[in-house]
Amino acid sequence: MGREPGPSEQGWVYLGERGDPQPRLVFQPVSEPATGKVRIHLDVTVDDIEEAMATVLALGGRSTGERHDYDEGVVVVMADPEDHEFCLVQYYRT
């Protein structure tokens, strides 16, 4: 994602710091497994779709196998280790 981890509480991961021009993302660990449908979906814009997919896989995520190619770019549906889906989006430069 091109963001450096910021100061974090034990066990948490903060990407970015308060006051950054981009939103700071905070990932909170929980002890119980997720149940039911997640009510948030992220579209993450990346410069290189293949590199981003490899990063997700290296971090324990998976590919759903769903890919959409459009004139303006590509969207790939990925899932995190708890199977929450999100999209990686690469826009083609024209």
Protein backbone atom coordinates (compact mmCIF):
# COMPACT_ATOMS: atom_id res chain seq x y z
CA MET A 1 0.00 0.00 0.00
CA GLY A 2 3.02 2.25 0.09
CA ARG A 3 2.34 3.35 3.67
CA GLU A 4 4.81 3.06 6.51
CA PRO A 5 3.52 1.66 9.80
CA GLY A 6 3.05 4.41 12.36
CA PRO A 7 3.23 4.28 16.16
CA SER A 8 0.95 1.45 17.27
CA GLU A 9 -0.44 -0.06 20.42
CA GLN A 10 0.73 -3.60 21.28
CA GLY A 11 -0.71 -6.06 18.76
CA TRP A 12 -2.30 -3.37 16.58
CA VAL A 13 -1.08 -2.12 13.20
CA TYR A 14 -1.39 1.53 12.24
CA LEU A 15 -0.63 2.52 8.66
CA GLY A 16 0.22 6.17 8.57
CA GLU A 17 0.08 8.68 11.35
CA ARG A 18 -2.50 11.14 12.57
CA GLY A 19 -2.42 14.23 10.39
CA ASP A 20 -1.27 12.40 7.24
CA PRO A 21 -2.91 13.65 4.04
CA GLN A 22 -4.16 10.09 3.41
CA PRO A 23 -6.51 8.35 5.82
CA ARG A 24 -4.78 6.46 8.61
CA LEU A 25 -5.80 2.81 8.64
CA VAL A 26 -5.95 1.03 11.99
CA PHE A 27 -6.18 -2.75 12.25
CA GLN A 28 -7.30 -4.05 15.62
CA PRO A 29 -6.74 -7.65 16.71
CA VAL A 30 -9.69 -9.53 18.18
CA SER A 31 -9.65 -12.90 19.92
CA GLU A 32 -12.96 -14.25 18.61
CA PRO A 33 -13.54 -15.26 14.97
CA ALA A 34 -15.68 -13.09 12.74
CA THR A 35 -19.31 -14.12 12.33
CA GLY A 36 -21.79 -12.78 9.82
CA LYS A 37 -21.22 -10.42 6.94
CA VAL A 38 -18.71 -7.60 7.23
CA ARG A 39 -20.34 -4.21 6.74
CA ILE A 40 -17.32 -2.48 5.23
CA HIS A 41 -15.65 -3.02 1.88
CA LEU A 42 -12.42 -1.43 0.82
CA ASP A 43 -11.23 -0.62 -2.69
CA VAL A 44 -7.49 -0.12 -2.51
CA THR A 45 -5.91 1.73 -5.44
CA VAL A 46 -2.49 0.34 -6.36
CA ASP A 47 0.15 1.14 -8.99
CA ASP A 48 0.95 -2.50 -9.82
CA ILE A 49 -1.87 -5.05 -9.51
CA GLU A 50 0.43 -8.11 -9.67
CA GLU A 51 2.75 -6.74 -6.99
CA ALA A 52 -0.19 -5.84 -4.76
CA MET A 53 -1.70 -9.32 -5.17
CA ALA A 54 1.63 -10.90 -4.22
CA THR A 55 1.81 -8.70 -1.12
CA VAL A 56 -1.70 -9.72 -0.04
CA LEU A 57 -0.80 -13.39 -0.50
CA ALA A 58 2.47 -12.96 1.44
CA LEU A 59 0.51 -11.38 4.32
CA GLY A 60 -1.85 -14.37 4.57
CA GLY A 61 -4.68 -13.22 2.31
CA ARG A 62 -5.99 -15.02 -0.75
CA SER A 63 -7.30 -14.37 -4.21
CA THR A 64 -10.97 -15.12 -4.83
CA GLY A 65 -10.22 -15.68 -8.51
CA GLU A 66 -12.52 -12.80 -9.47
CA ARG A 67 -10.99 -10.26 -11.84
CA HIS A 68 -12.63 -7.52 -13.89
CA ASP A 69 -10.77 -5.86 -16.76
CA TYR A 70 -12.11 -2.52 -17.96
CA ASP A 71 -10.84 0.05 -20.44
CA GLU A 72 -9.83 2.31 -17.54
CA GLY A 73 -8.21 -0.37 -15.36
CA VAL A 74 -8.48 -3.67 -13.56
CA VAL A 75 -10.23 -4.77 -10.35
CA VAL A 76 -9.20 -7.94 -8.50
CA VAL A 77 -11.22 -9.26 -5.56
CA MET A 78 -9.03 -10.49 -2.71
CA ALA A 79 -9.80 -11.71 0.82
CA ASP A 80 -8.00 -11.18 4.10
CA PRO A 81 -7.04 -14.09 6.41
CA GLU A 82 -10.53 -14.02 7.98
CA ASP A 83 -12.11 -14.13 4.51
CA HIS A 84 -13.28 -10.50 4.37
CA GLU A 85 -13.31 -9.45 0.74
CA PHE A 86 -11.80 -6.25 -0.64
CA CYS A 87 -10.73 -5.04 -4.06
CA LEU A 88 -7.37 -4.06 -5.46
CA VAL A 89 -7.82 -1.49 -8.22
CA GLN A 90 -5.23 -0.41 -10.77
CA TYR A 91 -6.19 2.47 -13.04
CA TYR A 92 -4.42 2.61 -16.40
CA ARG A 93 -2.72 5.88 -17.15
CA THR A 94 -3.77 7.39 -20.45
